Protein backbone atom coordinates (compact mmCIF):
# COMPACT_ATOMS: atom_id res chain seq x y z
CA MET A 1 -148.87 -121.42 169.98
CA GLN A 2 -147.32 -118.30 171.48
CA SER A 3 -144.44 -118.54 168.98
CA ARG A 4 -146.88 -118.58 166.04
CA SER A 5 -148.75 -115.58 167.40
CA LEU A 6 -145.48 -113.67 167.80
CA GLY A 7 -144.49 -114.58 164.24
CA LEU A 8 -147.80 -113.33 162.85
CA SER A 9 -147.51 -110.11 164.83
CA LEU A 10 -144.01 -109.48 163.48
CA ALA A 11 -145.16 -110.19 159.93
CA ALA A 12 -148.02 -107.72 160.33
CA ILE A 13 -145.67 -105.03 161.65
CA ILE A 14 -143.29 -105.55 158.73
CA LEU A 15 -146.13 -105.32 156.20
CA VAL A 16 -147.37 -102.08 157.74
CA GLN A 17 -143.87 -100.60 157.60
CA VAL A 18 -143.43 -101.55 153.95
CA ALA A 19 -146.81 -100.07 153.05
CA THR A 20 -145.99 -96.85 154.91
CA VAL A 21 -142.65 -96.40 153.16
CA SER A 22 -144.21 -97.12 149.76
CA ALA A 23 -146.98 -94.60 150.32
CA ALA A 24 -144.53 -91.93 151.47
CA HIS A 25 -142.37 -92.48 148.39
CA ALA A 26 -145.38 -92.28 146.06
CA GLY A 27 -146.51 -89.07 147.76
CA SER A 28 -143.13 -87.41 147.32
CA LYS A 29 -143.03 -88.36 143.62
CA THR A 30 -146.48 -86.89 143.11
CA GLN A 31 -145.50 -83.68 144.87
CA HIS A 32 -142.30 -83.43 142.81
CA ASN A 33 -144.21 -83.89 139.56
CA SER A 34 -146.75 -81.25 140.61
CA ASP A 35 -143.98 -78.78 141.44
CA VAL A 36 -142.26 -79.40 138.09
CA LYS A 37 -145.49 -78.98 136.16
CA ALA A 38 -146.33 -75.74 137.99
CA GLN A 39 -142.88 -74.37 137.21
CA CYS A 40 -143.23 -75.32 133.53
CA ILE A 41 -146.61 -73.56 133.35
CA SER A 42 -145.19 -70.43 135.00
CA ASP A 43 -142.24 -70.38 132.61
CA GLY A 44 -144.48 -70.75 129.56
CA LYS A 45 -146.85 -68.01 130.71
CA ALA A 46 -143.91 -65.72 131.46
CA ARG A 47 -142.86 -66.12 127.82
CA GLY A 48 -146.38 -65.07 126.76
CA LEU A 49 -147.55 -68.46 125.53
CA LYS A 50 -151.26 -69.31 125.48
CA GLY A 51 -153.55 -72.10 124.36
CA LYS A 52 -152.03 -74.95 122.36
CA ALA A 53 -148.59 -73.33 122.30
CA LEU A 54 -148.57 -73.20 126.11
CA TYR A 55 -149.83 -76.77 126.35
CA HIS A 56 -147.13 -78.14 124.04
CA ASP A 57 -144.42 -76.11 125.78
CA VAL A 58 -145.51 -77.42 129.20
CA VAL A 59 -145.54 -81.03 127.98
CA GLU A 60 -142.04 -80.66 126.49
CA CYS A 61 -140.71 -78.91 129.61
CA PHE A 62 -142.25 -81.55 131.89
CA HIS A 63 -140.66 -84.41 129.99
CA LYS A 64 -137.27 -82.72 129.78
CA SER A 65 -137.18 -81.94 133.49
CA GLY A 66 -136.89 -85.55 134.61
CA PHE A 67 -140.34 -86.14 136.05
CA THR A 68 -140.71 -89.36 137.97
CA HIS A 69 -143.08 -92.20 137.08
C-alpha cells in the first residue's frame, strides 16, 4: 500500500513539473510575439504609415520576423 502511495505521489510531482515547464514555454512565446509586434508597429509608424497601410505593413513584418506559434 505504501508503495502505491509513493508511486502516485511521484506521478503527481512529474505531472506538475511538466505543466509548469509547458506554461513557462507558452508564456515566453507570447512575450516574444508581443515584442515582435510592438517593434513592427514602431517601425511602420516611424516610416509614417497609418491606417490600412500600417496594418498591412505590421502583418507582413510580423510574419517575416519568425513569430512563434
